[in-house]
Every structure is written in structure tokens, then in C-alpha cells.
């Protein structure tokens, strides 16, 4: 039995090559430094997981940042109580996020449509307020949860693993800073993409697509859709928890700001921008938004003057005055314009544009006008 079709295998291999070669092909765009590359990987996982719920099932959640934040808190607590090794922290974060998603999903999925979205938003805001002001012994409130030298780390102590200097997450004793952290996160993104691909093409994925197409009709045929929607919600929450744990690995700090409603809205934008329901689209959307956030926001008037220096002085100043409104603190304006253009002209996201371009190249050349096509001759 074939595990993957030829097209799926080519897509997976191509995606893997693109991800692993990002330090090379992103260098001309000024985005090849480790911290940004790590965020590309982390939020790519976040968007892929959200797409399993929204893109396949059609349930729009406005509260996925809650699972992202829970994953970060769980990972940091694993570093503090168990070990500085990243693998136990990842497992612990995914399990805790999955259980949390099971509880919230069991309640929220009793409703659908906008009521489901409002319920998830309410749970996310409650989680944010609990982390910020109520559960301060666990979350450390607005200061955030951090690693300290006097943390017990029982597993490391039992195994006789010393901690020298400021504690930082490791993998089998090796530091995960710089490009090592990028490739660690890249491995999880590739794994997350592979699992999402298998889910999409599985009978379970077909059921989720059927629910998105017409859940009422499926219910009328006697098919119970609730276990499938709940499973999709839990899987999506576990993806978010994994992304939150990776963020805690690369930046060992967990704060309530990671659970704000703006973080939930960001992953919605990522998925719609790239193309909901597609495999690669949400990842591209996540990369594009994080690129705008980190590169465009760093451009100032000095850089713009240097860029337009070849132009006459009057034109130079005019262009700097105009473009400065779209970079630096105004990078949200650029992102908003890009989002509006894509939604208006490409409702299916960036991947719809890719499909249109591919369709143009796939068209077969037509025959010359006025010249009849040759007719097949009868066999003699």
C-alpha cells in the first residue's frame, strides 16, 4: 500500500528543501538571522494547526492564543521542575495543551458559527485574565515566568547534570541558540506539515471537509459529527501548544501577552492571507506577516534616504516622505493594504494566485484561427 501519492511526496520534499535552505534564499531579503527564522518556523506550526480546524472544518476560533500561551507556560514549568532538556518540555506542553483544548472544545462546540467564535474568544480572554492577575503564583502575573538558578529541576538533579551560569534550554546537553535553534524548530515544522498532510488526505480529513461543506446534511443522514469536530479542535490546540513550547525554548519566558486576543487574530490573518484549507498557504501567510513585523518595522527615514540617494534631492525627499508612512511604526498600514488587495482580488489567498498562474502555463496552445484541425483518417 502506498503511503503517499507522487504529488504529495513531491510537495513534501519541496517544502522540506525550502525550509532547510531558508538561511540561504532569505539572505538577500535581510531575513536570514536566527531569531527571525525561528519565528518563521514557530508561527508556521501555529498556522498549520489552526488551518486543521478552520481550513478543513470551517470552525473559526478567535481563542487559539490560549493554547499557545498554555504551551509556553507548560514548557517553562517543565524547565523549572524537571529538566532543561527541550524534549520533555515539548511533550509536556503538547499534552497539557491538548487537555485544555479538550475542555474548551467540549463546551464551545455545542454551538457553531459566530456563537462558537465568540465562545472561544471569551475562553481566551478569561485565560488571559487568569494568567495576568489571578493565577500569579503559577504564571508570575505581568512579569512573566522565567528560569532561575535556584529552580529545583529534579530530573537533572537526579541524573547529576550540573547547571553552569544562566539556565538555558538544551537538546541532549547542546545549546539551542542561533542556527541550532532554527533547525530544531524547522524539524518540528516539517513534522507538523507531514502530519497535517496525512490528516488532510485521510478519511478523517474527508469527514472534516464534509462537515465544512454541509454539516446539517451530514447530521440528517444520522452521522455524528461532534467527535470529529472535537478531535480537530484538540489536534489544532496541540499544534498551538507545540508552537508555544518552541517559543519558550528559543526565548525561555512565558507571559500573559501571548494569550491576548490580538495573538488569536494574528493566526487568523496568517491563514486567510496564505489560503485557508491549503497545506502551504498558512505557512506562507505566517512567514509574510512575521517578515513585515520584523523587517518593515525596522526601516526608518535614514535607510529610506540611503535607498533613494541616487534620485534628485527634491524627488528623494518626496519619496521618503511618502514611503515613511508605510514602514517603521506604519508597517501595519502596509500589511493592511496587502491584506485588502489579496482579499479583494484573491479571495482564496496567496495560493489562489499561485493556482491561477499555474493554470495559465497549463493551457494548451490553440490552433491557428481559420485553419481546421486535421481529421483522423479511417483505417484501411
Protein backbone atom coordinates (compact mmCIF):
# COMPACT_ATOMS: atom_id res chain seq x y z
CA UNK A 1 0.00 0.00 0.00
CA UNK A 2 1.34 3.41 -0.98
CA UNK A 3 1.86 5.75 1.95
CA UNK A 4 1.93 8.95 -0.13
CA UNK A 5 0.98 9.79 -3.67
CA UNK A 6 3.62 11.08 -6.05
CA UNK A 7 2.29 14.64 -5.91
CA UNK A 8 2.18 14.60 -2.10
CA UNK A 9 5.72 13.26 -1.94
CA UNK A 10 6.99 15.96 -4.30
CA UNK A 11 5.16 18.63 -2.27
CA UNK A 12 6.62 17.35 0.98
CA UNK A 13 10.15 17.11 -0.39
CA UNK A 14 9.91 20.56 -1.95
CA UNK A 15 8.61 22.04 1.29
CA UNK A 16 11.42 20.38 3.24
CA UNK A 17 14.10 21.74 0.92
CA UNK A 18 12.63 25.26 1.03
CA UNK A 19 12.51 25.24 4.85
CA UNK A 20 16.01 23.88 5.38
CA UNK A 21 17.50 26.27 2.81
CA UNK A 22 15.87 29.38 4.27
CA UNK A 23 19.15 30.79 5.65
CA UNK A 24 20.40 30.85 2.06
CA UNK A 25 17.49 32.14 -0.01
CA UNK A 26 16.30 34.64 2.60
CA UNK A 27 19.71 36.29 2.88
CA UNK A 28 19.09 38.79 0.03
CA UNK A 29 15.87 39.86 1.79
CA UNK A 30 17.66 40.61 5.06
CA UNK A 31 15.73 37.91 6.95
CA UNK A 32 18.36 35.22 7.38
CA UNK A 33 19.19 35.86 11.04
CA UNK A 34 18.34 33.05 13.53
CA UNK A 35 15.79 34.83 15.70
CA UNK A 36 13.50 35.69 12.78
CA UNK A 37 13.98 32.28 11.17
CA UNK A 38 12.92 30.63 14.42
CA UNK A 39 9.76 32.74 14.49
CA UNK A 40 9.03 31.77 10.90
CA UNK A 41 9.09 28.13 11.98
CA UNK A 42 7.11 28.61 15.20
CA UNK A 43 4.28 30.64 13.73
CA UNK A 44 4.23 28.38 10.69
CA UNK A 45 3.37 25.49 13.05
CA UNK A 46 0.76 27.67 14.76
CA UNK A 47 -0.89 28.48 11.41
CA UNK A 48 -0.78 24.88 10.15
CA UNK A 49 -2.55 23.70 13.29
CA UNK A 50 -5.16 26.45 13.11
CA UNK A 51 -5.83 25.52 9.48
CA UNK A 52 -6.79 21.97 10.54
CA UNK A 53 -9.73 23.45 12.45
CA UNK A 54 -10.63 26.47 10.31
CA UNK A 55 -9.49 25.41 6.85
CA UNK A 56 -10.78 21.82 6.94
CA UNK A 57 -13.75 22.00 9.31
CA UNK A 58 -14.86 25.61 8.83
CA UNK A 59 -14.95 26.46 12.54
CA UNK A 60 -13.43 29.90 13.11
CA UNK A 61 -11.77 30.13 16.52
CA UNK A 62 -10.86 33.51 17.98
CA UNK A 63 -9.21 31.96 21.03
CA UNK A 64 -6.30 29.85 19.82
CA UNK A 65 -3.80 32.10 21.57
CA UNK A 66 -4.97 30.48 24.83
CA UNK A 67 -3.41 27.15 23.78
CA UNK A 68 -0.32 28.96 22.51
CA UNK A 69 0.15 30.59 25.92
CA UNK A 70 -0.60 27.39 27.84
CA UNK A 71 2.08 25.61 25.80
CA UNK A 72 4.62 28.30 26.73
CA UNK A 73 3.75 28.14 30.44
CA UNK A 74 3.86 24.33 30.45
CA UNK A 75 7.27 24.28 28.74
CA UNK A 76 8.79 26.81 31.16
CA UNK A 77 7.43 24.88 34.15
CA UNK A 78 9.00 21.73 32.71
CA UNK A 79 12.33 23.56 32.50
CA UNK A 80 11.96 24.72 36.10
CA UNK A 81 10.75 21.46 37.67
CA UNK A 82 12.09 18.63 35.50
CA UNK A 83 14.96 19.34 33.16
CA UNK A 84 16.44 21.93 30.84
CA UNK A 85 16.21 19.39 28.02
CA UNK A 86 13.72 20.53 25.39
CA UNK A 87 12.13 17.16 24.54
CA UNK A 88 10.35 16.58 27.91
CA UNK A 89 9.17 20.19 27.80
CA UNK A 90 7.72 19.72 24.30
CA UNK A 91 5.88 16.55 25.29
CA UNK A 92 4.53 18.10 28.48
CA UNK A 93 3.36 21.23 26.65
CA UNK A 94 1.56 19.29 23.91
CA UNK A 95 -0.23 17.07 26.45
CA UNK A 96 -1.32 19.97 28.67
CA UNK A 97 -2.49 21.99 25.66
CA UNK A 98 -4.41 19.00 24.35
CA UNK A 99 -6.23 18.50 27.65
CA UNK A 100 -7.00 22.22 27.87
CA UNK A 101 -8.32 22.19 24.29
CA UNK A 102 -10.47 19.15 25.08
CA UNK A 103 -12.19 21.00 27.92
CA UNK A 104 -12.74 24.23 25.97
CA UNK A 105 -13.73 22.41 22.80
CA UNK A 106 -16.28 20.24 24.62
CA UNK A 107 -18.11 23.40 25.72
CA UNK A 108 -17.54 25.64 22.68
CA UNK A 109 -18.52 23.06 20.06
CA UNK A 110 -22.05 22.93 21.44
CA UNK A 111 -22.56 25.97 19.23
CA UNK A 112 -21.47 26.74 15.69
CA UNK A 113 -20.91 29.79 13.52
CA UNK A 114 -20.40 33.15 15.16
CA UNK A 115 -21.53 31.76 18.55
CA UNK A 116 -18.65 29.27 18.51
CA UNK A 117 -16.22 32.08 17.64
CA UNK A 118 -17.49 34.25 20.50
CA UNK A 119 -17.23 31.37 22.96
CA UNK A 120 -13.61 30.67 22.04
CA UNK A 121 -12.82 34.39 22.30
CA UNK A 122 -14.42 34.50 25.75
CA UNK A 123 -12.39 31.50 26.95
CA UNK A 124 -9.20 33.04 25.60
CA UNK A 125 -9.86 36.34 27.38
CA UNK A 126 -10.64 34.50 30.61
CA UNK A 127 -7.39 32.59 30.26
CA UNK A 128 -5.50 35.84 29.68
CA UNK A 129 -7.00 37.48 32.77
CA UNK A 130 -6.36 34.39 34.88
CA UNK A 131 -2.73 34.34 33.81
CA UNK A 132 -2.31 38.10 34.25
CA UNK A 133 -3.89 38.71 37.63
CA UNK A 134 -5.45 35.63 39.28
CA UNK A 135 -3.05 32.70 38.91
CA UNK A 136 0.04 34.76 39.68
CA UNK A 137 1.67 32.00 41.83
CA UNK A 138 1.70 29.88 38.66
CA UNK A 139 2.15 32.48 35.94
CA UNK A 140 4.02 35.25 37.82
CA UNK A 141 1.50 37.77 36.54
CA UNK A 142 2.60 40.65 34.33
CA UNK A 143 6.30 39.94 34.96
CA UNK A 144 6.08 36.57 33.27
CA UNK A 145 7.51 33.17 34.13
CA UNK A 146 11.30 32.93 33.85
CA UNK A 147 14.08 30.48 34.59
CA UNK A 148 16.18 30.96 37.73
CA UNK A 149 19.38 29.42 39.09
CA UNK A 150 17.56 28.11 42.18
CA UNK A 151 14.89 26.17 40.23
CA UNK A 152 14.74 22.57 41.54
CA UNK A 153 14.97 20.70 38.16
CA UNK A 154 14.52 17.33 39.85
CA UNK A 155 15.28 15.23 36.77
CA UNK A 156 18.59 17.00 36.09
CA UNK A 157 19.49 16.77 39.78
CA UNK A 158 18.74 13.05 39.87
CA UNK A 159 20.90 12.43 36.81
CA UNK A 160 23.70 14.61 38.17
CA UNK A 161 23.54 17.16 35.35
CA UNK A 162 25.02 20.47 36.62
CA UNK A 163 23.76 23.91 35.62
CA UNK A 164 26.53 26.38 34.98
CA UNK A 165 25.62 30.03 34.59
CA UNK A 166 22.26 31.28 33.39
CA UNK A 167 19.96 28.27 32.70
CA UNK A 168 19.00 27.91 29.03
CA UNK A 169 17.10 25.09 27.25
CA UNK A 170 19.23 22.42 25.63
CA UNK A 171 18.89 19.30 23.48
CA UNK A 172 20.88 16.40 24.91
CA UNK A 173 23.19 18.92 26.55
CA UNK A 174 23.71 21.01 23.41
CA UNK A 175 22.63 24.66 23.34
CA UNK A 176 19.70 25.58 21.10
CA UNK A 177 20.79 29.13 20.39
CA UNK A 178 21.40 30.57 16.94
CA UNK A 179 21.02 28.39 13.88
CA UNK A 180 20.85 25.24 16.04
CA UNK A 181 17.59 26.58 17.42
CA UNK A 182 16.37 27.31 13.90
CA UNK A 183 17.00 23.77 12.66
CA UNK A 184 15.42 22.37 15.83
CA UNK A 185 12.26 24.37 15.12
CA UNK A 186 12.48 23.56 11.40
CA UNK A 187 12.41 19.85 12.18
CA UNK A 188 9.17 20.29 14.10
CA UNK A 189 7.63 22.39 11.31
CA UNK A 190 8.45 19.71 8.75
CA UNK A 191 6.98 17.05 11.05
CA UNK A 192 3.88 19.18 11.67
CA UNK A 193 3.44 19.73 7.94
CA UNK A 194 3.74 16.00 7.25
CA UNK A 195 1.11 15.15 9.88
CA UNK A 196 -1.21 17.85 8.53
CA UNK A 197 -0.78 16.44 5.04
CA UNK A 198 -1.64 12.94 6.22
CA UNK A 199 -4.69 14.25 8.10
CA UNK A 200 -5.91 16.20 5.08
CA UNK A 201 -5.73 13.19 2.75
CA UNK A 202 -7.07 10.65 5.26
CA UNK A 203 -10.69 9.50 5.68
CA UNK A 204 -10.75 11.63 8.83
CA UNK A 205 -9.79 14.65 6.75
CA UNK A 206 -12.51 13.82 4.23
CA UNK A 207 -15.04 13.82 7.08
CA UNK A 208 -13.83 17.24 8.21
CA UNK A 209 -14.23 18.59 4.68
CA UNK A 210 -17.73 17.14 4.56
CA UNK A 211 -18.58 18.92 7.81
CA UNK A 212 -17.34 22.19 6.34
CA UNK A 213 -19.35 21.64 3.17
CA UNK A 214 -22.69 20.85 4.84
CA UNK A 215 -22.72 19.73 8.45
CA UNK A 216 -26.54 19.86 8.65
CA UNK A 217 -26.93 17.36 5.82
CA UNK A 218 -24.44 15.01 7.47
CA UNK A 219 -26.37 15.21 10.74
CA UNK A 220 -29.65 14.45 8.93
CA UNK A 221 -28.14 11.29 7.48
CA UNK A 222 -27.53 10.05 11.02
CA UNK A 223 -23.81 10.81 11.03
CA UNK A 224 -22.49 12.08 14.38
CA UNK A 225 -20.13 14.94 13.57
CA UNK A 226 -19.31 16.02 17.13
CA UNK A 227 -16.45 13.56 17.76
CA UNK A 228 -14.78 14.69 14.52
CA UNK A 229 -15.07 18.41 15.24
CA UNK A 230 -13.84 17.88 18.80
CA UNK A 231 -10.89 15.82 17.55
CA UNK A 232 -9.99 18.56 15.05
CA UNK A 233 -10.23 21.17 17.81
CA UNK A 234 -7.95 19.17 20.13
CA UNK A 235 -5.39 18.48 17.39
CA UNK A 236 -5.37 22.16 16.47
CA UNK A 237 -4.90 23.10 20.13
CA UNK A 238 -1.98 20.68 20.43
CA UNK A 239 -0.33 22.30 17.41
CA UNK A 240 -0.73 25.69 19.11
CA UNK A 241 0.75 24.28 22.33
CA UNK A 242 3.71 22.90 20.38
CA UNK A 243 4.32 26.31 18.83
CA UNK A 244 4.11 27.97 22.24
CA UNK A 245 6.58 25.47 23.68
CA UNK A 246 9.03 26.13 20.85
CA UNK A 247 8.79 29.85 21.54
CA UNK A 248 9.65 29.10 25.18
CA UNK A 249 12.62 27.01 24.02
CA UNK A 250 14.05 29.80 21.87
CA UNK A 251 13.05 32.51 24.36
CA UNK A 252 12.67 30.93 27.86
CA UNK A 253 9.96 33.27 29.06
CA UNK A 254 6.18 32.79 29.30
CA UNK A 255 3.95 35.83 29.65
CA UNK A 256 0.23 36.52 29.56
CA UNK A 257 0.64 38.69 26.45
CA UNK A 258 0.99 35.51 24.40
CA UNK A 259 -2.67 34.76 25.20
CA UNK A 260 -4.16 38.09 24.15
CA UNK A 261 -6.95 38.27 21.57
CA UNK A 262 -4.58 40.04 19.17
CA UNK A 263 -2.43 36.89 19.01
CA UNK A 264 -5.55 34.88 18.13
CA UNK A 265 -6.44 37.39 15.42
CA UNK A 266 -2.92 37.21 14.03
CA UNK A 267 -3.12 33.50 13.29
CA UNK A 268 -6.50 34.06 11.60
CA UNK A 269 -4.88 36.66 9.32
CA UNK A 270 -1.99 34.30 8.58
CA UNK A 271 -4.32 31.53 7.47
CA UNK A 272 -6.61 33.72 5.35
CA UNK A 273 -3.68 35.58 3.80
CA UNK A 274 -1.97 32.40 2.66
CA UNK A 275 -5.10 30.43 1.80
CA UNK A 276 -7.39 28.63 4.23
CA UNK A 277 -7.83 24.95 3.51
CA UNK A 278 -4.49 24.62 1.73
CA UNK A 279 -1.38 22.99 3.13
CA UNK A 280 1.31 25.51 2.22
CA UNK A 281 -0.83 28.67 2.33
CA UNK A 282 -0.99 29.20 6.12
CA UNK A 283 2.78 28.77 6.39
CA UNK A 284 3.36 31.38 3.68
CA UNK A 285 0.92 33.72 5.42
CA UNK A 286 2.77 33.30 8.72
CA UNK A 287 6.13 33.99 7.07
CA UNK A 288 4.81 37.07 5.28
CA UNK A 289 3.29 38.64 8.40
CA UNK A 290 6.39 37.97 10.51
CA UNK A 291 8.56 39.40 7.75
CA UNK A 292 6.53 42.61 7.72
CA UNK A 293 6.59 42.75 11.51
CA UNK A 294 10.35 42.38 11.83
CA UNK A 295 11.77 43.90 8.62
CA UNK A 296 9.38 46.67 7.59
CA UNK A 297 9.06 47.85 11.17
CA UNK A 298 12.85 48.31 11.36
CA UNK A 299 13.08 50.60 8.31
CA UNK A 300 13.47 54.30 9.20
CA UNK A 301 13.93 57.53 7.27
CA UNK A 302 17.73 57.20 7.33
CA UNK A 303 17.51 53.89 5.47
CA UNK A 304 14.99 55.35 3.02
CA UNK A 305 17.24 58.35 2.29
CA UNK A 306 20.09 55.93 1.62
CA UNK A 307 17.88 53.87 -0.69
CA UNK A 308 16.65 56.88 -2.72
CA UNK A 309 20.04 58.63 -2.65
CA UNK A 310 20.53 58.20 -6.42
CA UNK A 311 17.49 60.36 -7.17
CA UNK A 312 17.43 64.18 -7.30
CA UNK A 313 17.11 65.89 -3.92
CA UNK A 314 13.53 67.09 -4.38
CA UNK A 315 12.27 63.73 -5.61
CA UNK A 316 14.33 61.96 -2.93
CA UNK A 317 12.66 63.88 -0.11
CA UNK A 318 9.19 63.45 -1.60
CA UNK A 319 9.53 59.68 -1.92
CA UNK A 320 10.94 59.41 1.59
CA UNK A 321 8.02 61.44 2.97
CA UNK A 322 5.52 59.11 1.25
CA UNK A 323 7.14 55.74 1.89
CA UNK A 324 7.96 56.52 5.52
CA UNK A 325 4.24 56.26 6.27
CA UNK A 326 4.31 52.58 5.25
CA UNK A 327 7.39 51.43 7.18
CA UNK A 328 8.65 51.69 10.75
CA UNK A 329 5.71 52.29 13.05
CA UNK A 330 3.43 52.39 10.00
CA UNK A 331 4.16 48.83 8.88
CA UNK A 332 0.60 47.87 9.86
CA UNK A 333 -0.61 50.12 7.03
CA UNK A 334 1.45 48.15 4.51
CA UNK A 335 0.20 44.85 5.90
CA UNK A 336 -3.38 46.13 5.83
CA UNK A 337 -3.09 47.18 2.19
CA UNK A 338 -1.62 43.81 1.23
CA UNK A 339 -4.40 42.02 3.09
CA UNK A 340 -7.11 44.14 1.42
CA UNK A 341 -5.67 43.56 -2.05
CA UNK A 342 -5.46 39.81 -1.52
CA UNK A 343 -8.97 39.51 -0.08
CA UNK A 344 -10.46 41.61 -2.92
CA UNK A 345 -8.60 40.10 -5.86
CA UNK A 346 -7.61 36.69 -4.45
CA UNK A 347 -10.33 35.54 -2.01
CA UNK A 348 -8.61 32.18 -1.75
CA UNK A 349 -5.39 33.78 -0.51
CA UNK A 350 -1.91 33.71 -1.98
CA UNK A 351 -2.30 30.08 -3.02
CA UNK A 352 -5.21 31.04 -5.28
CA UNK A 353 -2.84 33.38 -7.11
CA UNK A 354 -0.34 30.55 -7.42
CA UNK A 355 -3.03 28.29 -8.87
CA UNK A 356 -4.08 30.96 -11.37
CA UNK A 357 -0.51 31.42 -12.56
CA UNK A 358 -0.05 27.66 -12.83
CA UNK A 359 -3.30 27.42 -14.80
CA UNK A 360 -2.01 29.95 -17.34
CA UNK A 361 1.07 27.81 -18.01
CA UNK A 362 -1.00 24.62 -18.17
CA UNK A 363 -3.17 25.87 -21.03
CA UNK A 364 -2.52 24.07 -24.26
CA UNK A 365 -1.69 26.28 -27.28
CA UNK A 366 -4.67 26.72 -29.57
CA UNK A 367 -4.54 26.06 -33.28
CA UNK A 368 -4.26 28.87 -35.81
CA UNK A 369 -7.55 30.69 -36.47
CA UNK A 370 -9.26 29.81 -39.70
CA UNK A 371 -7.36 26.56 -40.05
CA UNK A 372 -9.34 23.43 -39.36
CA UNK A 373 -7.80 20.81 -37.17
CA UNK A 374 -6.70 17.67 -39.05
CA UNK A 375 -9.35 14.96 -39.05
CA UNK A 376 -8.38 11.36 -38.30
CA UNK A 377 -8.30 9.17 -41.37
CA UNK A 378 -10.31 5.96 -41.41
CA UNK A 379 -8.36 2.76 -41.19
CA UNK A 380 -7.84 0.96 -44.42
